[in-house]
Amino acid sequence: MADDEATRTFEEFDGDDDGYITAEEFKLAMNARREEVSGDDLESIFAHTDDDQDGRINLAEFTEAWNA
């Protein structure tokens, strides 16, 4: 198990454990935390976090956004 909060949170959000967070996984994880995320919110989060524009957030992208 990861020893830093960003990595632990990334692992929590990565529902299928493939090393990437998709928009659907992000939304499900936020809903599990009882936080609503709109489609516009998701678009904004991914626009600012998904540096390589592959439609997924990897750990490096997530950590960079986490620490910003």
PDB file of N, CA and C in Angstrom:
ATOM      1  N   MET A   1       0.838  -1.197   0.000  1.00  0.00           N
ATOM      2  CA  MET A   1       0.000   0.000   0.000  1.00  0.00           C
ATOM      3  C   MET A   1       0.870   1.243   0.000  1.00  0.00           C
ATOM      4  N   ALA A   2       0.447   2.226  -0.704  1.00  0.00           N
ATOM      5  CA  ALA A   2       1.197   3.472  -0.821  1.00  0.00           C
ATOM      6  C   ALA A   2       1.255   4.180   0.523  1.00  0.00           C
ATOM      7  N   ASP A   3       2.324   4.932   0.719  1.00  0.00           N
ATOM      8  CA  ASP A   3       2.503   5.581   2.011  1.00  0.00           C
ATOM      9  C   ASP A   3       2.252   7.082   1.979  1.00  0.00           C
ATOM     10  N   ASP A   4       1.864   7.629   0.837  1.00  0.00           N
ATOM     11  CA  ASP A   4       1.523   9.047   0.829  1.00  0.00           C
ATOM     12  C   ASP A   4       0.065   9.228   0.418  1.00  0.00           C
ATOM     13  N   GLU A   5      -0.512  10.328   0.866  1.00  0.00           N
ATOM     14  CA  GLU A   5      -1.950  10.530   0.692  1.00  0.00           C
ATOM     15  C   GLU A   5      -2.360  10.626  -0.772  1.00  0.00           C
ATOM     16  N   ALA A   6      -1.551  11.297  -1.589  1.00  0.00           N
ATOM     17  CA  ALA A   6      -1.899  11.433  -3.005  1.00  0.00           C
ATOM     18  C   ALA A   6      -1.970  10.064  -3.672  1.00  0.00           C
ATOM     19  N   THR A   7      -0.985   9.226  -3.413  1.00  0.00           N
ATOM     20  CA  THR A   7      -0.967   7.897  -4.040  1.00  0.00           C
ATOM     21  C   THR A   7      -2.102   7.033  -3.507  1.00  0.00           C
ATOM     22  N   ARG A   8      -2.378   7.109  -2.219  1.00  0.00           N
ATOM     23  CA  ARG A   8      -3.506   6.345  -1.656  1.00  0.00           C
ATOM     24  C   ARG A   8      -4.818   6.786  -2.285  1.00  0.00           C
ATOM     25  N   THR A   9      -4.985   8.094  -2.457  1.00  0.00           N
ATOM     26  CA  THR A   9      -6.218   8.600  -3.057  1.00  0.00           C
ATOM     27  C   THR A   9      -6.309   8.175  -4.514  1.00  0.00           C
ATOM     28  N   PHE A  10      -5.195   8.244  -5.235  1.00  0.00           N
ATOM     29  CA  PHE A  10      -5.173   7.781  -6.627  1.00  0.00           C
ATOM     30  C   PHE A  10      -5.622   6.320  -6.696  1.00  0.00           C
ATOM     31  N   GLU A  11      -5.071   5.487  -5.833  1.00  0.00           N
ATOM     32  CA  GLU A  11      -5.428   4.065  -5.829  1.00  0.00           C
ATOM     33  C   GLU A  11      -6.893   3.854  -5.503  1.00  0.00           C
ATOM     34  N   GLU A  12      -7.440   4.686  -4.622  1.00  0.00           N
ATOM     35  CA  GLU A  12      -8.873   4.617  -4.287  1.00  0.00           C
ATOM     36  C   GLU A  12      -9.725   4.958  -5.511  1.00  0.00           C
ATOM     37  N   PHE A  13      -9.319   5.985  -6.265  1.00  0.00           N
ATOM     38  CA  PHE A  13     -10.082   6.430  -7.427  1.00  0.00           C
ATOM     39  C   PHE A  13      -9.925   5.493  -8.619  1.00  0.00           C
ATOM     40  N   ASP A  14      -8.800   4.787  -8.723  1.00  0.00           N
ATOM     41  CA  ASP A  14      -8.521   3.878  -9.846  1.00  0.00           C
ATOM     42  C   ASP A  14      -9.279   2.573  -9.627  1.00  0.00           C
ATOM     43  N   GLY A  15     -10.564   2.604  -9.944  1.00  0.00           N
ATOM     44  CA  GLY A  15     -11.474   1.508  -9.615  1.00  0.00           C
ATOM     45  C   GLY A  15     -11.084   0.157 -10.177  1.00  0.00           C
ATOM     46  N   ASP A  16     -10.536   0.113 -11.385  1.00  0.00           N
ATOM     47  CA  ASP A  16     -10.167  -1.181 -11.977  1.00  0.00           C
ATOM     48  C   ASP A  16      -8.690  -1.489 -11.823  1.00  0.00           C
ATOM     49  N   ASP A  17      -7.972  -0.646 -11.090  1.00  0.00           N
ATOM     50  CA  ASP A  17      -6.572  -0.892 -10.733  1.00  0.00           C
ATOM     51  C   ASP A  17      -5.679  -1.042 -11.968  1.00  0.00           C
ATOM     52  N   ASP A  18      -5.974  -0.241 -13.016  1.00  0.00           N
ATOM     53  CA  ASP A  18      -5.171  -0.349 -14.237  1.00  0.00           C
ATOM     54  C   ASP A  18      -4.111   0.749 -14.345  1.00  0.00           C
ATOM     55  N   GLY A  19      -4.007   1.591 -13.301  1.00  0.00           N
ATOM     56  CA  GLY A  19      -3.000   2.644 -13.314  1.00  0.00           C
ATOM     57  C   GLY A  19      -3.489   3.955 -13.899  1.00  0.00           C
ATOM     58  N   TYR A  20      -4.773   4.038 -14.192  1.00  0.00           N
ATOM     59  CA  TYR A  20      -5.358   5.249 -14.756  1.00  0.00           C
ATOM     60  C   TYR A  20      -6.708   5.518 -14.112  1.00  0.00           C
ATOM     61  N   ILE A  21      -7.056   6.797 -14.004  1.00  0.00           N
ATOM     62  CA  ILE A  21      -8.384   7.186 -13.545  1.00  0.00           C
ATOM     63  C   ILE A  21      -9.136   7.734 -14.751  1.00  0.00           C
ATOM     64  N   THR A  22     -10.261   7.107 -15.049  1.00  0.00           N
ATOM     65  CA  THR A  22     -11.126   7.611 -16.117  1.00  0.00           C
ATOM     66  C   THR A  22     -12.132   8.589 -15.502  1.00  0.00           C
ATOM     67  N   ALA A  23     -12.822   9.324 -16.351  1.00  0.00           N
ATOM     68  CA  ALA A  23     -13.848  10.244 -15.860  1.00  0.00           C
ATOM     69  C   ALA A  23     -14.912   9.483 -15.065  1.00  0.00           C
ATOM     70  N   GLU A  24     -15.285   8.311 -15.555  1.00  0.00           N
ATOM     71  CA  GLU A  24     -16.300   7.513 -14.862  1.00  0.00           C
ATOM     72  C   GLU A  24     -15.799   7.076 -13.480  1.00  0.00           C
ATOM     73  N   GLU A  25     -14.550   6.621 -13.406  1.00  0.00           N
ATOM     74  CA  GLU A  25     -13.982   6.225 -12.113  1.00  0.00           C
ATOM     75  C   GLU A  25     -13.915   7.416 -11.165  1.00  0.00           C
ATOM     76  N   PHE A  26     -13.539   8.581 -11.693  1.00  0.00           N
ATOM     77  CA  PHE A  26     -13.458   9.783 -10.872  1.00  0.00           C
ATOM     78  C   PHE A  26     -14.826  10.114 -10.290  1.00  0.00           C
ATOM     79  N   LYS A  27     -15.841  10.074 -11.144  1.00  0.00           N
ATOM     80  CA  LYS A  27     -17.201  10.384 -10.700  1.00  0.00           C
ATOM     81  C   LYS A  27     -17.685   9.378  -9.656  1.00  0.00           C
ATOM     82  N   LEU A  28     -17.438   8.100  -9.887  1.00  0.00           N
ATOM     83  CA  LEU A  28     -17.850   7.071  -8.929  1.00  0.00           C
ATOM     84  C   LEU A  28     -17.158   7.251  -7.583  1.00  0.00           C
ATOM     85  N   ALA A  29     -15.868   7.555  -7.611  1.00  0.00           N
ATOM     86  CA  ALA A  29     -15.117   7.742  -6.366  1.00  0.00           C
ATOM     87  C   ALA A  29     -15.617   8.959  -5.605  1.00  0.00           C
ATOM     88  N   MET A  30     -15.915  10.032  -6.314  1.00  0.00           N
ATOM     89  CA  MET A  30     -16.433  11.224  -5.651  1.00  0.00           C
ATOM     90  C   MET A  30     -17.829  10.956  -5.076  1.00  0.00           C
ATOM     91  N   ASN A  31     -18.657  10.225  -5.823  1.00  0.00           N
ATOM     92  CA  ASN A  31     -19.981   9.869  -5.310  1.00  0.00           C
ATOM     93  C   ASN A  31     -19.873   9.002  -4.068  1.00  0.00           C
ATOM     94  N   ALA A  32     -18.893   8.100  -4.046  1.00  0.00           N
ATOM     95  CA  ALA A  32     -18.672   7.253  -2.872  1.00  0.00           C
ATOM     96  C   ALA A  32     -18.297   8.102  -1.656  1.00  0.00           C
ATOM     97  N   ARG A  33     -17.692   9.249  -1.914  1.00  0.00           N
ATOM     98  CA  ARG A  33     -17.351  10.197  -0.842  1.00  0.00           C
ATOM     99  C   ARG A  33     -18.506  11.161  -0.568  1.00  0.00           C
ATOM    100  N   ARG A  34     -19.643  10.900  -1.208  1.00  0.00           N
ATOM    101  CA  ARG A  34     -20.841  11.734  -1.071  1.00  0.00           C
ATOM    102  C   ARG A  34     -20.603  13.157  -1.555  1.00  0.00           C
ATOM    103  N   GLU A  35     -19.826  13.275  -2.642  1.00  0.00           N
ATOM    104  CA  GLU A  35     -19.580  14.564  -3.276  1.00  0.00           C
ATOM    105  C   GLU A  35     -20.036  14.466  -4.721  1.00  0.00           C
ATOM    106  N   GLU A  36     -20.880  15.407  -5.119  1.00  0.00           N
ATOM    107  CA  GLU A  36     -21.391  15.430  -6.486  1.00  0.00           C
ATOM    108  C   GLU A  36     -20.370  16.081  -7.422  1.00  0.00           C
ATOM    109  N   VAL A  37     -20.249  15.516  -8.611  1.00  0.00           N
ATOM    110  CA  VAL A  37     -19.367  16.084  -9.638  1.00  0.00           C
ATOM    111  C   VAL A  37     -20.188  16.196 -10.913  1.00  0.00           C
ATOM    112  N   SER A  38     -20.297  17.416 -11.426  1.00  0.00           N
ATOM    113  CA  SER A  38     -21.055  17.624 -12.658  1.00  0.00           C
ATOM    114  C   SER A  38     -20.194  17.273 -13.867  1.00  0.00           C
ATOM    115  N   GLY A  39     -20.839  17.152 -14.994  1.00  0.00           N
ATOM    116  CA  GLY A  39     -20.110  16.919 -16.241  1.00  0.00           C
ATOM    117  C   GLY A  39     -19.136  18.048 -16.529  1.00  0.00           C
ATOM    118  N   ASP A  40     -19.550  19.284 -16.253  1.00  0.00           N
ATOM    119  CA  ASP A  40     -18.663  20.428 -16.451  1.00  0.00           C
ATOM    120  C   ASP A  40     -17.455  20.361 -15.517  1.00  0.00           C
ATOM    121  N   ASP A  41     -17.694  19.940 -14.273  1.00  0.00           N
ATOM    122  CA  ASP A  41     -16.587  19.788 -13.327  1.00  0.00           C
ATOM    123  C   ASP A  41     -15.588  18.754 -13.843  1.00  0.00           C
ATOM    124  N   LEU A  42     -16.104  17.629 -14.312  1.00  0.00           N
ATOM    125  CA  LEU A  42     -15.225  16.578 -14.829  1.00  0.00           C
ATOM    126  C   LEU A  42     -14.402  17.069 -16.014  1.00  0.00           C
ATOM    127  N   GLU A  43     -15.063  17.773 -16.928  1.00  0.00           N
ATOM    128  CA  GLU A  43     -14.346  18.311 -18.091  1.00  0.00           C
ATOM    129  C   GLU A  43     -13.233  19.244 -17.652  1.00  0.00           C
ATOM    130  N   SER A  44     -13.512  20.091 -16.691  1.00  0.00           N
ATOM    131  CA  SER A  44     -12.519  21.039 -16.203  1.00  0.00           C
ATOM    132  C   SER A  44     -11.361  20.322 -15.503  1.00  0.00           C
ATOM    133  N   ILE A  45     -11.692  19.356 -14.658  1.00  0.00           N
ATOM    134  CA  ILE A  45     -10.659  18.592 -13.944  1.00  0.00           C
ATOM    135  C   ILE A  45      -9.750  17.891 -14.933  1.00  0.00           C
ATOM    136  N   PHE A  46     -10.335  17.226 -15.914  1.00  0.00           N
ATOM    137  CA  PHE A  46      -9.531  16.480 -16.880  1.00  0.00           C
ATOM    138  C   PHE A  46      -8.755  17.422 -17.803  1.00  0.00           C
ATOM    139  N   ALA A  47      -9.326  18.575 -18.147  1.00  0.00           N
ATOM    140  CA  ALA A  47      -8.619  19.545 -18.991  1.00  0.00           C
ATOM    141  C   ALA A  47      -7.359  20.056 -18.292  1.00  0.00           C
ATOM    142  N   HIS A  48      -7.429  20.213 -16.979  1.00  0.00           N
ATOM    143  CA  HIS A  48      -6.292  20.745 -16.225  1.00  0.00           C
ATOM    144  C   HIS A  48      -5.329  19.669 -15.738  1.00  0.00           C
ATOM    145  N   THR A  49      -5.758  18.425 -15.707  1.00  0.00           N
ATOM    146  CA  THR A  49      -4.944  17.366 -15.105  1.00  0.00           C
ATOM    147  C   THR A  49      -4.387  16.388 -16.127  1.00  0.00           C
ATOM    148  N   ASP A  50      -5.134  16.095 -17.181  1.00  0.00           N
ATOM    149  CA  ASP A  50      -4.749  15.094 -18.181  1.00  0.00           C
ATOM    150  C   ASP A  50      -3.764  15.709 -19.185  1.00  0.00           C
ATOM    151  N   ASP A  51      -2.503  15.816 -18.766  1.00  0.00           N
ATOM    152  CA  ASP A  51      -1.492  16.514 -19.573  1.00  0.00           C
ATOM    153  C   ASP A  51      -1.291  15.916 -20.960  1.00  0.00           C
ATOM    154  N   ASP A  52      -1.355  14.589 -21.062  1.00  0.00           N
ATOM    155  CA  ASP A  52      -1.112  13.963 -22.373  1.00  0.00           C
ATOM    156  C   ASP A  52      -2.393  13.800 -23.197  1.00  0.00           C
ATOM    157  N   GLN A  53      -3.510  14.302 -22.656  1.00  0.00           N
ATOM    158  CA  GLN A  53      -4.785  14.324 -23.365  1.00  0.00           C
ATOM    159  C   GLN A  53      -5.242  12.951 -23.863  1.00  0.00           C
ATOM    160  N   ASP A  54      -4.984  11.905 -23.055  1.00  0.00           N
ATOM    161  CA  ASP A  54      -5.426  10.560 -23.461  1.00  0.00           C
ATOM    162  C   ASP A  54      -6.769  10.182 -22.860  1.00  0.00           C
ATOM    163  N   GLY A  55      -7.404  11.119 -22.156  1.00  0.00           N
ATOM    164  CA  GLY A  55      -8.713  10.862 -21.571  1.00  0.00           C
ATOM    165  C   GLY A  55      -8.656  10.149 -20.237  1.00  0.00           C
ATOM    166  N   ARG A  56      -7.434   9.977 -19.724  1.00  0.00           N
ATOM    167  CA  ARG A  56      -7.254   9.301 -18.439  1.00  0.00           C
ATOM    168  C   ARG A  56      -6.211  10.082 -17.637  1.00  0.00           C
ATOM    169  N   ILE A  57      -6.285   9.959 -16.324  1.00  0.00           N
ATOM    170  CA  ILE A  57      -5.307  10.593 -15.448  1.00  0.00           C
ATOM    171  C   ILE A  57      -4.416   9.495 -14.874  1.00  0.00           C
ATOM    172  N   ASN A  58      -3.111   9.616 -15.112  1.00  0.00           N
ATOM    173  CA  ASN A  58      -2.183   8.638 -14.525  1.00  0.00           C
ATOM    174  C   ASN A  58      -1.668   9.176 -13.194  1.00  0.00           C
ATOM    175  N   LEU A  59      -0.874   8.382 -12.500  1.00  0.00           N
ATOM    176  CA  LEU A  59      -0.415   8.768 -11.167  1.00  0.00           C
ATOM    177  C   LEU A  59       0.419  10.041 -11.205  1.00  0.00           C
ATOM    178  N   ALA A  60       1.300  10.190 -12.181  1.00  0.00           N
ATOM    179  CA  ALA A  60       2.143  11.392 -12.262  1.00  0.00           C
ATOM    180  C   ALA A  60       1.282  12.642 -12.443  1.00  0.00           C
ATOM    181  N   GLU A  61       0.295  12.564 -13.327  1.00  0.00           N
ATOM    182  CA  GLU A  61      -0.608  13.704 -13.552  1.00  0.00           C
ATOM    183  C   GLU A  61      -1.404  14.012 -12.291  1.00  0.00           C
ATOM    184  N   PHE A  62      -1.893  12.969 -11.644  1.00  0.00           N
ATOM    185  CA  PHE A  62      -2.689  13.134 -10.428  1.00  0.00           C
ATOM    186  C   PHE A  62      -1.854  13.778  -9.324  1.00  0.00           C
ATOM    187  N   THR A  63      -0.633  13.285  -9.152  1.00  0.00           N
ATOM    188  CA  THR A  63       0.239  13.800  -8.103  1.00  0.00           C
ATOM    189  C   THR A  63       0.600  15.253  -8.366  1.00  0.00           C
ATOM    190  N   GLU A  64       0.859  15.586  -9.619  1.00  0.00           N
ATOM    191  CA  GLU A  64       1.176  16.977  -9.958  1.00  0.00           C
ATOM    192  C   GLU A  64       0.008  17.887  -9.616  1.00  0.00           C
ATOM    193  N   ALA A  65      -1.201  17.481  -9.958  1.00  0.00           N
ATOM    194  CA  ALA A  65      -2.393  18.280  -9.644  1.00  0.00           C
ATOM    195  C   ALA A  65      -2.616  18.339  -8.139  1.00  0.00           C
ATOM    196  N   TRP A  66      -2.402  17.230  -7.459  1.00  0.00           N
ATOM    197  CA  TRP A  66      -2.587  17.147  -6.004  1.00  0.00           C
ATOM    198  C   TRP A  66      -1.686  18.158  -5.307  1.00  0.00           C
ATOM    199  N   ASN A  67      -0.454  18.279  -5.777  1.00  0.00           N
ATOM    200  CA  ASN A  67       0.540  19.134  -5.133  1.00  0.00           C
ATOM    201  C   ASN A  67       0.526  20.574  -5.626  1.00  0.00           C
ATOM    202  N   ALA A  68      -0.357  20.866  -6.586  1.00  0.00           N
ATOM    203  CA  ALA A  68      -0.395  22.229  -7.142  1.00  0.00           C
ATOM    204  C   ALA A  68      -0.994  23.224  -6.173  1.00  0.00           C
TER     205      ALA A  68
END
